[in-house]
């Protein structure tokens, strides 16, 4: 730990517009393995960005003053128990090395919680690994998710169900297609707990930015026999430290007609199998497996031999009222809890 050559004097407040470039410098310095452009994109492409949601500890004892630590609240809504609730995502939690050990992040997290409670947020969420105990001290609780890891070759659909189905590329720059995707996502996500609500503007900016950074960009439609777009999938690539690298379903949605007829699984398998076969020669990262949330098709407890169920920890939630605490406990179960990779912050 570096030592300071002066006695710091801290002020705690929201970020000012004139300090934004310095804030980008701060997070890029602390998260040295992540390019500065990532944090710029995360701010500029967030349709809900708000400087009042960025909390900073400023060392006023130096000239010019220095951002010593920060916490950002991402303004979001999630689907929870069949309704939409206001949610604050916690990210960009960072302290410069010279200022560590002074409990600055602790104070900023407390300020963030106070802000969320005063501004109508029902819950807060974050994603972490080794730092989980830090957040547990402030009330966040880990709600595990269950993921499916299966071989691409094992994807199969009901031949009787998919008569007339075809696949086509989706254009995320086409506003009419984005409107349809937005509607499908809303229609499908209400059946689960944890997915983020996505406005058209969110698709245009946040999701488009996330896709642009990925070197695997698969966005495809499923068309029915009448050539209507009835399902959508977004696929990326996920390097894995402990097992085979795999493709990851970053988002999926199917219309209510197929969902209510229990044809969502057939639509998913047909769409993914066709897409992965067609794109095989174009993909920069060969992989034999695919990962997606288990609750999509009730695969919790499945005994399929080509399918592995993986518990995913690190998705933490904080109830900001007693009512929301009960809703989290009742709805963020392994059978219902879904979070899409494309919404990561």
Protein backbone atom coordinates (compact mmCIF):
# COMPACT_ATOMS: atom_id res chain seq x y z
CA UNK A 1 0.00 0.00 0.00
CA UNK A 2 1.35 3.41 -0.98
CA UNK A 3 1.69 6.04 1.73
CA UNK A 4 0.48 9.60 1.35
CA UNK A 5 2.82 12.54 1.86
CA UNK A 6 0.03 14.63 3.35
CA UNK A 7 -2.93 14.34 5.71
CA UNK A 8 -6.01 13.91 3.49
CA UNK A 9 -9.27 15.75 4.05
CA UNK A 10 -12.29 14.11 2.43
CA UNK A 11 -15.59 15.40 1.14
CA UNK A 12 -18.30 12.91 0.14
CA UNK A 13 -20.79 13.87 -2.57
CA UNK A 14 -22.06 13.21 -6.08
CA UNK A 15 -19.82 13.75 -9.08
CA UNK A 16 -19.87 17.13 -10.86
CA UNK A 17 -19.98 17.33 -14.65
CA UNK A 18 -16.63 19.12 -14.69
CA UNK A 19 -15.10 16.08 -12.93
CA UNK A 20 -16.33 13.43 -15.37
CA UNK A 21 -13.09 13.10 -17.37
CA UNK A 22 -11.15 12.82 -14.11
CA UNK A 23 -13.58 10.12 -12.96
CA UNK A 24 -12.92 8.13 -16.15
CA UNK A 25 -9.19 8.46 -15.40
CA UNK A 26 -9.78 7.27 -11.83
CA UNK A 27 -11.64 4.06 -12.68
CA UNK A 28 -9.24 3.27 -15.53
CA UNK A 29 -6.31 3.66 -13.11
CA UNK A 30 -7.80 1.41 -10.44
CA UNK A 31 -9.07 -1.20 -12.91
CA UNK A 32 -5.80 -1.18 -14.82
CA UNK A 33 -6.64 -4.25 -16.92
CA UNK A 34 -9.74 -2.55 -18.36
CA UNK A 35 -9.35 0.18 -21.02
CA UNK A 36 -10.59 3.67 -20.22
CA UNK A 37 -12.89 3.49 -23.25
CA UNK A 38 -14.90 0.74 -21.51
CA UNK A 39 -15.90 3.10 -18.69
CA UNK A 40 -16.58 5.95 -21.12
CA UNK A 41 -18.90 3.64 -23.11
CA UNK A 42 -20.59 2.40 -19.93
CA UNK A 43 -21.48 5.97 -19.06
CA UNK A 44 -22.23 7.49 -22.46
CA UNK A 45 -24.27 4.51 -23.70
CA UNK A 46 -26.37 4.25 -20.55
CA UNK A 47 -29.73 5.93 -21.34
CA UNK A 48 -30.35 6.28 -17.59
CA UNK A 49 -26.98 7.84 -16.76
CA UNK A 50 -27.12 10.37 -13.97
CA UNK A 51 -24.21 12.16 -12.30
CA UNK A 52 -26.21 12.18 -9.06
CA UNK A 53 -25.84 8.39 -9.05
CA UNK A 54 -22.02 8.55 -9.02
CA UNK A 55 -20.70 8.97 -5.50
CA UNK A 56 -17.15 10.11 -4.85
CA UNK A 57 -14.74 10.68 -1.99
CA UNK A 58 -12.66 13.75 -2.84
CA UNK A 59 -9.36 14.52 -1.16
CA UNK A 60 -9.60 18.29 -0.74
CA UNK A 61 -6.18 18.59 0.90
CA UNK A 62 -4.37 18.66 -2.44
CA UNK A 63 -4.58 21.10 -5.34
CA UNK A 64 -6.31 20.20 -7.55
CA UNK A 65 -8.52 17.91 -5.43
CA UNK A 66 -8.24 14.18 -6.17
CA UNK A 67 -10.95 11.54 -6.59
CA UNK A 68 -9.85 8.99 -4.01
CA UNK A 69 -12.75 6.53 -4.30
CA UNK A 70 -16.07 6.07 -6.07
CA UNK A 71 -19.25 3.98 -6.21
CA UNK A 72 -21.74 4.18 -9.06
CA UNK A 73 -25.45 3.34 -8.92
CA UNK A 74 -26.79 2.09 -12.27
CA UNK A 75 -30.47 3.11 -12.57
CA UNK A 76 -32.38 0.00 -13.69
CA UNK A 77 -35.68 -1.87 -13.38
CA UNK A 78 -35.95 -5.64 -12.96
CA UNK A 79 -38.76 -8.12 -13.39
CA UNK A 80 -39.59 -9.64 -10.02
CA UNK A 81 -42.57 -11.86 -9.26
CA UNK A 82 -44.56 -10.74 -12.28
CA UNK A 83 -43.98 -7.00 -11.89
CA UNK A 84 -41.34 -4.37 -12.59
CA UNK A 85 -39.42 -2.91 -9.64
CA UNK A 86 -36.94 -0.03 -9.49
CA UNK A 87 -33.42 -1.32 -8.96
CA UNK A 88 -30.01 0.20 -8.32
CA UNK A 89 -27.05 -1.70 -9.72
CA UNK A 90 -23.78 -1.16 -7.84
CA UNK A 91 -20.65 -0.90 -9.93
CA UNK A 92 -17.33 0.88 -10.47
CA UNK A 93 -16.56 0.43 -6.75
CA UNK A 94 -12.94 1.54 -6.59
CA UNK A 95 -10.36 3.20 -4.34
CA UNK A 96 -6.94 4.45 -5.42
CA UNK A 97 -4.17 2.39 -3.84
CA UNK A 98 -2.79 5.29 -1.79
CA UNK A 99 -6.17 5.81 -0.11
CA UNK A 100 -7.01 2.20 0.77
CA UNK A 101 -7.61 1.23 4.37
CA UNK A 102 -9.51 4.45 5.13
CA UNK A 103 -13.01 2.90 4.73
CA UNK A 104 -13.90 5.21 1.86
CA UNK A 105 -15.80 2.56 -0.11
CA UNK A 106 -17.75 1.66 3.04
CA UNK A 107 -18.87 5.27 3.44
CA UNK A 108 -19.77 5.55 -0.27
CA UNK A 109 -21.80 2.33 -0.17
CA UNK A 110 -23.70 3.72 2.83
CA UNK A 111 -24.33 6.95 0.92
CA UNK A 112 -25.54 4.91 -2.08
CA UNK A 113 -27.98 2.91 0.05
CA UNK A 114 -29.33 6.12 1.60
CA UNK A 115 -29.76 7.65 -1.87
CA UNK A 116 -31.61 4.59 -3.20
CA UNK A 117 -33.97 4.46 -0.23
CA UNK A 118 -34.76 8.17 -0.58
CA UNK A 119 -35.37 7.88 -4.33
CA UNK A 120 -37.82 5.00 -4.51
CA UNK A 121 -35.58 2.05 -5.31
CA UNK A 122 -37.00 -1.28 -4.13
CA UNK A 123 -33.83 -3.35 -4.37
CA UNK A 124 -30.15 -3.07 -5.22
CA UNK A 125 -28.08 -5.62 -7.10
CA UNK A 126 -24.42 -6.23 -7.89
CA UNK A 127 -22.13 -8.94 -9.25
CA UNK A 128 -18.93 -9.90 -7.49
CA UNK A 129 -16.60 -12.74 -6.59
CA UNK A 130 -14.08 -12.63 -3.78
CA UNK A 131 -15.46 -9.30 -2.50
CA UNK A 132 -18.82 -10.84 -1.53
CA UNK A 133 -18.11 -10.69 2.25
CA UNK A 134 -17.62 -6.92 2.00
CA UNK A 135 -21.10 -6.46 0.56
CA UNK A 136 -22.67 -8.97 2.95
CA UNK A 137 -21.70 -6.65 5.81
CA UNK A 138 -23.93 -3.99 4.22
CA UNK A 139 -26.89 -6.35 3.76
CA UNK A 140 -26.46 -7.69 0.24
CA UNK A 141 -27.24 -11.40 -0.05
CA UNK A 142 -26.10 -13.91 -2.66
CA UNK A 143 -28.98 -15.41 -4.64
CA UNK A 144 -27.46 -18.20 -6.77
CA UNK A 145 -28.55 -18.84 -10.34
CA UNK A 146 -28.50 -22.12 -12.20
CA UNK A 147 -27.00 -22.34 -15.67
CA UNK A 148 -27.04 -25.07 -18.28
CA UNK A 149 -23.84 -26.10 -20.03
CA UNK A 150 -24.53 -28.47 -22.91
CA UNK A 151 -22.91 -29.59 -26.14
CA UNK A 152 -24.12 -27.79 -29.23
CA UNK A 153 -24.56 -31.17 -30.91
CA UNK A 154 -27.14 -32.13 -28.27
CA UNK A 155 -29.53 -29.33 -29.25
CA UNK A 156 -32.68 -30.83 -30.70
CA UNK A 157 -36.22 -29.70 -31.39
CA UNK A 158 -39.60 -31.29 -31.94
CA UNK A 159 -39.77 -31.92 -35.70
CA UNK A 160 -43.56 -31.88 -35.59
CA UNK A 161 -43.54 -28.46 -33.91
CA UNK A 162 -41.03 -26.69 -36.15
CA UNK A 163 -42.63 -27.29 -39.54
CA UNK A 164 -42.09 -24.18 -41.62
CA UNK A 165 -39.70 -22.52 -39.17
CA UNK A 166 -36.72 -20.64 -40.62
CA UNK A 167 -33.88 -18.50 -39.28
CA UNK A 168 -32.58 -15.10 -40.38
CA UNK A 169 -30.00 -12.62 -39.14
CA UNK A 170 -31.25 -9.80 -36.92
CA UNK A 171 -30.15 -6.23 -37.65
CA UNK A 172 -29.65 -4.34 -34.39
CA UNK A 173 -29.39 -1.08 -36.34
CA UNK A 174 -32.91 -1.45 -37.74
CA UNK A 175 -35.39 0.43 -35.54
CA UNK A 176 -38.40 -1.69 -36.56
CA UNK A 177 -36.53 -4.86 -35.62
CA UNK A 178 -35.39 -3.31 -32.33
CA UNK A 179 -39.00 -2.40 -31.49
CA UNK A 180 -40.02 -6.02 -32.08
CA UNK A 181 -37.10 -7.27 -29.97
CA UNK A 182 -38.04 -4.83 -27.18
CA UNK A 183 -41.62 -6.11 -27.18
CA UNK A 184 -40.54 -9.76 -27.23
CA UNK A 185 -38.11 -9.23 -24.35
CA UNK A 186 -40.83 -7.59 -22.24
CA UNK A 187 -43.36 -10.31 -23.12
CA UNK A 188 -40.98 -13.13 -22.20
CA UNK A 189 -39.09 -11.66 -19.23
CA UNK A 190 -42.20 -11.18 -17.10
CA UNK A 191 -42.26 -14.97 -16.58
CA UNK A 192 -38.95 -14.87 -14.65
CA UNK A 193 -37.33 -12.92 -11.81
CA UNK A 194 -34.09 -11.01 -12.25
CA UNK A 195 -34.01 -9.93 -15.92
CA UNK A 196 -33.57 -6.22 -16.54
CA UNK A 197 -36.33 -4.27 -18.22
CA UNK A 198 -35.05 -2.87 -21.53
CA UNK A 199 -36.41 0.21 -23.26
CA UNK A 200 -35.93 0.79 -26.98
CA UNK A 201 -33.26 3.37 -26.11
CA UNK A 202 -31.51 0.81 -23.89
CA UNK A 203 -31.37 -1.64 -26.80
CA UNK A 204 -30.05 1.07 -29.13
CA UNK A 205 -27.30 2.21 -26.78
CA UNK A 206 -26.41 -0.23 -23.99
CA UNK A 207 -27.02 -3.56 -25.74
CA UNK A 208 -25.59 -2.33 -29.05
CA UNK A 209 -22.45 -1.19 -27.22
CA UNK A 210 -22.12 -4.54 -25.43
CA UNK A 211 -22.46 -6.42 -28.71
CA UNK A 212 -19.94 -4.18 -30.48
CA UNK A 213 -17.26 -5.04 -27.90
CA UNK A 214 -17.70 -8.78 -28.40
CA UNK A 215 -15.77 -10.62 -31.10
CA UNK A 216 -18.65 -13.10 -31.37
CA UNK A 217 -21.75 -11.22 -32.52
CA UNK A 218 -24.64 -13.55 -33.30
CA UNK A 219 -28.10 -11.97 -33.36
CA UNK A 220 -30.81 -14.03 -35.04
CA UNK A 221 -34.56 -14.36 -35.51
CA UNK A 222 -36.78 -17.41 -35.61
CA UNK A 223 -39.55 -17.04 -38.20
CA UNK A 224 -42.70 -19.16 -38.19
CA UNK A 225 -44.39 -20.58 -41.30
CA UNK A 226 -46.14 -17.23 -41.84
CA UNK A 227 -42.71 -15.49 -41.80
CA UNK A 228 -43.52 -13.73 -38.53
CA UNK A 229 -40.64 -13.07 -36.13
CA UNK A 230 -41.50 -15.14 -33.08
CA UNK A 231 -38.18 -15.59 -31.22
CA UNK A 232 -34.83 -13.81 -30.91
CA UNK A 233 -31.42 -14.86 -29.66
CA UNK A 234 -28.15 -13.04 -28.93
CA UNK A 235 -25.03 -15.19 -28.58
CA UNK A 236 -21.51 -14.32 -27.41
CA UNK A 237 -18.38 -16.17 -26.32
CA UNK A 238 -17.22 -16.98 -22.78
CA UNK A 239 -13.66 -18.12 -21.98
CA UNK A 240 -13.72 -20.45 -18.95
CA UNK A 241 -10.90 -21.11 -16.49
CA UNK A 242 -12.06 -24.46 -15.17
CA UNK A 243 -13.63 -26.19 -18.18
CA UNK A 244 -14.12 -25.99 -21.93
CA UNK A 245 -14.66 -22.57 -23.47
CA UNK A 246 -18.22 -22.06 -24.59
CA UNK A 247 -20.66 -19.82 -26.35
CA UNK A 248 -23.10 -18.02 -24.07
CA UNK A 249 -26.68 -17.03 -24.76
CA UNK A 250 -26.61 -13.35 -23.86
CA UNK A 251 -30.34 -12.86 -24.42
CA UNK A 252 -33.32 -14.90 -25.62
CA UNK A 253 -37.03 -14.26 -25.98
CA UNK A 254 -39.98 -16.06 -27.52
CA UNK A 255 -43.52 -14.78 -28.05
CA UNK A 256 -46.38 -15.69 -25.72
CA UNK A 257 -48.08 -17.93 -28.25
CA UNK A 258 -45.12 -20.32 -28.35
CA UNK A 259 -44.45 -19.93 -24.63
CA UNK A 260 -48.01 -20.81 -23.66
CA UNK A 261 -47.99 -23.85 -25.96
CA UNK A 262 -44.77 -25.06 -24.28
CA UNK A 263 -42.94 -24.62 -27.57
CA UNK A 264 -40.32 -22.21 -26.21
CA UNK A 265 -37.80 -25.01 -25.74
CA UNK A 266 -38.37 -26.27 -29.29
CA UNK A 267 -37.97 -22.75 -30.65
CA UNK A 268 -34.75 -22.26 -28.66
CA UNK A 269 -33.21 -25.57 -29.77
CA UNK A 270 -34.20 -25.12 -33.43
CA UNK A 271 -32.94 -21.53 -33.55
CA UNK A 272 -29.63 -22.18 -31.76
CA UNK A 273 -28.84 -25.39 -33.64
CA UNK A 274 -29.44 -23.76 -37.03
CA UNK A 275 -27.57 -20.58 -36.12
CA UNK A 276 -24.52 -22.36 -34.72
CA UNK A 277 -24.35 -24.65 -37.76
CA UNK A 278 -24.59 -21.72 -40.19
CA UNK A 279 -22.03 -19.57 -38.35
CA UNK A 280 -19.56 -22.34 -37.54
CA UNK A 281 -17.02 -21.41 -40.20
CA UNK A 282 -17.17 -17.68 -39.37
CA UNK A 283 -16.60 -17.81 -35.60
CA UNK A 284 -13.14 -16.77 -34.28
CA UNK A 285 -13.36 -19.05 -31.21
CA UNK A 286 -14.22 -22.69 -31.86
CA UNK A 287 -16.20 -24.13 -28.95
CA UNK A 288 -18.32 -27.24 -28.57
CA UNK A 289 -20.54 -26.08 -25.70
CA UNK A 290 -23.29 -23.56 -25.08
CA UNK A 291 -24.41 -21.98 -21.79
CA UNK A 292 -27.82 -20.51 -20.91
CA UNK A 293 -30.07 -20.01 -17.83
CA UNK A 294 -31.69 -23.25 -16.59
CA UNK A 295 -35.08 -21.69 -15.65
CA UNK A 296 -35.90 -20.97 -19.30
CA UNK A 297 -37.12 -24.51 -19.87
CA UNK A 298 -37.50 -25.97 -16.39
CA UNK A 299 -34.18 -27.82 -16.66
CA UNK A 300 -33.56 -27.55 -12.92
CA UNK A 301 -32.73 -31.12 -11.87
CA UNK A 302 -32.51 -32.42 -15.47
CA UNK A 303 -30.92 -35.84 -16.03
CA UNK A 304 -29.93 -35.33 -19.68
CA UNK A 305 -26.48 -36.87 -20.24
CA UNK A 306 -25.24 -34.05 -22.53
CA UNK A 307 -26.30 -31.37 -20.08
CA UNK A 308 -24.52 -30.09 -16.97
CA UNK A 309 -26.13 -27.84 -14.39
CA UNK A 310 -23.83 -25.14 -13.02
CA UNK A 311 -24.56 -23.09 -9.90
CA UNK A 312 -23.51 -19.48 -10.46
CA UNK A 313 -22.78 -17.39 -7.38
CA UNK A 314 -21.94 -13.72 -7.03
CA UNK A 315 -25.31 -12.24 -8.00
CA UNK A 316 -26.13 -10.28 -4.85
CA UNK A 317 -29.28 -8.36 -3.90
CA UNK A 318 -30.13 -5.90 -1.16
CA UNK A 319 -33.75 -5.38 -0.10
CA UNK A 320 -34.42 -1.71 0.57
CA UNK A 321 -37.71 -2.41 2.38
CA UNK A 322 -39.31 -5.29 4.25
CA UNK A 323 -41.76 -5.82 1.39
CA UNK A 324 -38.97 -6.17 -1.17
CA UNK A 325 -37.08 -8.54 1.14
CA UNK A 326 -40.02 -10.93 1.03
CA UNK A 327 -40.32 -10.56 -2.74
CA UNK A 328 -36.64 -11.38 -3.23
CA UNK A 329 -36.84 -14.47 -1.02
CA UNK A 330 -39.98 -15.75 -2.74
CA UNK A 331 -38.95 -15.13 -6.33
CA UNK A 332 -35.16 -15.35 -6.71
CA UNK A 333 -35.15 -19.14 -6.58
CA UNK A 334 -33.10 -21.48 -8.78
CA UNK A 335 -36.30 -22.23 -10.71
CA UNK A 336 -37.04 -18.55 -11.52
CA UNK A 337 -33.82 -16.51 -11.25
CA UNK A 338 -32.50 -15.29 -14.63
CA UNK A 339 -29.88 -12.64 -15.41
CA UNK A 340 -28.70 -12.00 -18.96
CA UNK A 341 -25.02 -11.48 -19.68
CA UNK A 342 -25.79 -8.60 -22.05
CA UNK A 343 -27.01 -6.52 -19.09
CA UNK A 344 -23.74 -6.85 -17.13
CA UNK A 345 -22.46 -3.62 -15.58
